[in-house]
């Protein structure tokens, strides 16, 4: 019954591979959460100032052109 040992060995390999993948997924998730926490805790004051300046530039009103059809 050597085929039975082959089946059990394959099952053990499969189980170990699943456990390894689960560990790697947990490590990756922890790294993502850590990066997200670092990003949310970062000082965003400079970024907000840049956005305000950019919005002021874009907020200028443009002059409307009058077409000839509007004059009639």
C-alpha atoms as a PDB file:
ATOM      1  CA  UNK A   1       0.000   0.000   0.000  1.00  0.00           C
ATOM      2  CA  UNK A   2       2.636   2.554  -0.948  1.00  0.00           C
ATOM      3  CA  UNK A   3      -0.040   4.669  -2.669  1.00  0.00           C
ATOM      4  CA  UNK A   4      -1.629   5.303   0.724  1.00  0.00           C
ATOM      5  CA  UNK A   5       1.624   6.818   2.024  1.00  0.00           C
ATOM      6  CA  UNK A   6       1.786   8.983  -1.090  1.00  0.00           C
ATOM      7  CA  UNK A   7      -1.710  10.316  -0.398  1.00  0.00           C
ATOM      8  CA  UNK A   8      -0.883  11.101   3.235  1.00  0.00           C
ATOM      9  CA  UNK A   9       2.382  12.800   2.244  1.00  0.00           C
ATOM     10  CA  UNK A  10       0.545  14.906  -0.333  1.00  0.00           C
ATOM     11  CA  UNK A  11      -2.063  15.885   2.269  1.00  0.00           C
ATOM     12  CA  UNK A  12       0.636  16.938   4.748  1.00  0.00           C
ATOM     13  CA  UNK A  13       2.373  19.003   2.068  1.00  0.00           C
ATOM     14  CA  UNK A  14      -0.917  20.656   1.173  1.00  0.00           C
ATOM     15  CA  UNK A  15      -1.678  21.433   4.830  1.00  0.00           C
ATOM     16  CA  UNK A  16       1.793  22.961   5.370  1.00  0.00           C
ATOM     17  CA  UNK A  17       1.450  25.057   2.214  1.00  0.00           C
ATOM     18  CA  UNK A  18      -1.951  26.412   3.382  1.00  0.00           C
ATOM     19  CA  UNK A  19      -0.525  27.300   6.794  1.00  0.00           C
ATOM     20  CA  UNK A  20       2.438  29.079   5.177  1.00  0.00           C
ATOM     21  CA  UNK A  21       0.120  31.050   2.858  1.00  0.00           C
ATOM     22  CA  UNK A  22      -2.083  32.010   5.815  1.00  0.00           C
ATOM     23  CA  UNK A  23       0.967  33.263   7.743  1.00  0.00           C
ATOM     24  CA  UNK A  24       2.174  35.287   4.756  1.00  0.00           C
ATOM     25  CA  UNK A  25      -1.294  36.796   4.268  1.00  0.00           C
ATOM     26  CA  UNK A  26      -1.436  37.768   7.955  1.00  0.00           C
ATOM     27  CA  UNK A  27       2.025  39.359   7.751  1.00  0.00           C
ATOM     28  CA  UNK A  28       1.057  41.295   4.630  1.00  0.00           C
ATOM     29  CA  UNK A  29      -2.162  42.517   6.228  1.00  0.00           C
ATOM     30  CA  UNK A  30      -0.253  43.625   9.331  1.00  0.00           C
ATOM     31  CA  UNK A  31       2.218  45.523   7.142  1.00  0.00           C
ATOM     32  CA  UNK A  32      -0.637  47.228   5.302  1.00  0.00           C
ATOM     33  CA  UNK A  33      -2.328  48.230   8.549  1.00  0.00           C
ATOM     34  CA  UNK A  34       0.961  49.602   9.858  1.00  0.00           C
ATOM     35  CA  UNK A  35       1.479  51.622   6.672  1.00  0.00           C
ATOM     36  CA  UNK A  36      -2.074  52.938   6.854  1.00  0.00           C
ATOM     37  CA  UNK A  37      -1.595  53.942  10.493  1.00  0.00           C
ATOM     38  CA  UNK A  38       1.650  55.725   9.627  1.00  0.00           C
ATOM     39  CA  UNK A  39      -0.075  57.556   6.780  1.00  0.00           C
ATOM     40  CA  UNK A  40      -3.035  58.686   8.872  1.00  0.00           C
ATOM     41  CA  UNK A  41      -0.756  59.828  11.715  1.00  0.00           C
ATOM     42  CA  UNK A  42       1.499  61.807   9.364  1.00  0.00           C
ATOM     43  CA  UNK A  43       1.452  65.597   9.459  1.00  0.00           C
ATOM     44  CA  UNK A  44      -0.666  66.616   6.492  1.00  0.00           C
ATOM     45  CA  UNK A  45      -0.443  70.362   7.156  1.00  0.00           C
ATOM     46  CA  UNK A  46       1.897  71.017   4.250  1.00  0.00           C
ATOM     47  CA  UNK A  47      -0.310  69.059   1.898  1.00  0.00           C
ATOM     48  CA  UNK A  48      -3.393  71.047   2.885  1.00  0.00           C
ATOM     49  CA  UNK A  49      -1.570  74.345   2.295  1.00  0.00           C
ATOM     50  CA  UNK A  50      -0.582  73.215  -1.195  1.00  0.00           C
ATOM     51  CA  UNK A  51      -4.160  72.213  -1.970  1.00  0.00           C
ATOM     52  CA  UNK A  52      -5.493  75.583  -0.788  1.00  0.00           C
ATOM     53  CA  UNK A  53      -3.017  77.456  -2.981  1.00  0.00           C
ATOM     54  CA  UNK A  54      -3.898  75.252  -5.950  1.00  0.00           C
ATOM     55  CA  UNK A  55      -7.635  75.820  -5.440  1.00  0.00           C
ATOM     56  CA  UNK A  56      -7.138  79.596  -5.256  1.00  0.00           C
ATOM     57  CA  UNK A  57      -5.387  79.564  -8.621  1.00  0.00           C
ATOM     58  CA  UNK A  58      -8.118  77.497 -10.241  1.00  0.00           C
ATOM     59  CA  UNK A  59     -10.887  79.492  -8.571  1.00  0.00           C
ATOM     60  CA  UNK A  60     -10.354  82.587 -10.715  1.00  0.00           C
ATOM     61  CA  UNK A  61     -13.334  83.457 -12.845  1.00  0.00           C
ATOM     62  CA  UNK A  62     -12.889  83.293 -16.549  1.00  0.00           C
ATOM     63  CA  UNK A  63     -14.195  86.049 -18.787  1.00  0.00           C
ATOM     64  CA  UNK A  64     -17.105  85.030 -20.917  1.00  0.00           C
ATOM     65  CA  UNK A  65     -16.912  85.663 -24.594  1.00  0.00           C
ATOM     66  CA  UNK A  66     -19.962  87.064 -26.262  1.00  0.00           C
ATOM     67  CA  UNK A  67     -20.865  85.504 -29.525  1.00  0.00           C
ATOM     68  CA  UNK A  68     -22.371  87.404 -32.387  1.00  0.00           C
ATOM     69  CA  UNK A  69     -25.610  85.468 -31.971  1.00  0.00           C
ATOM     70  CA  UNK A  70     -26.074  86.793 -28.422  1.00  0.00           C
ATOM     71  CA  UNK A  71     -26.037  90.411 -29.635  1.00  0.00           C
ATOM     72  CA  UNK A  72     -29.137  90.076 -31.784  1.00  0.00           C
END
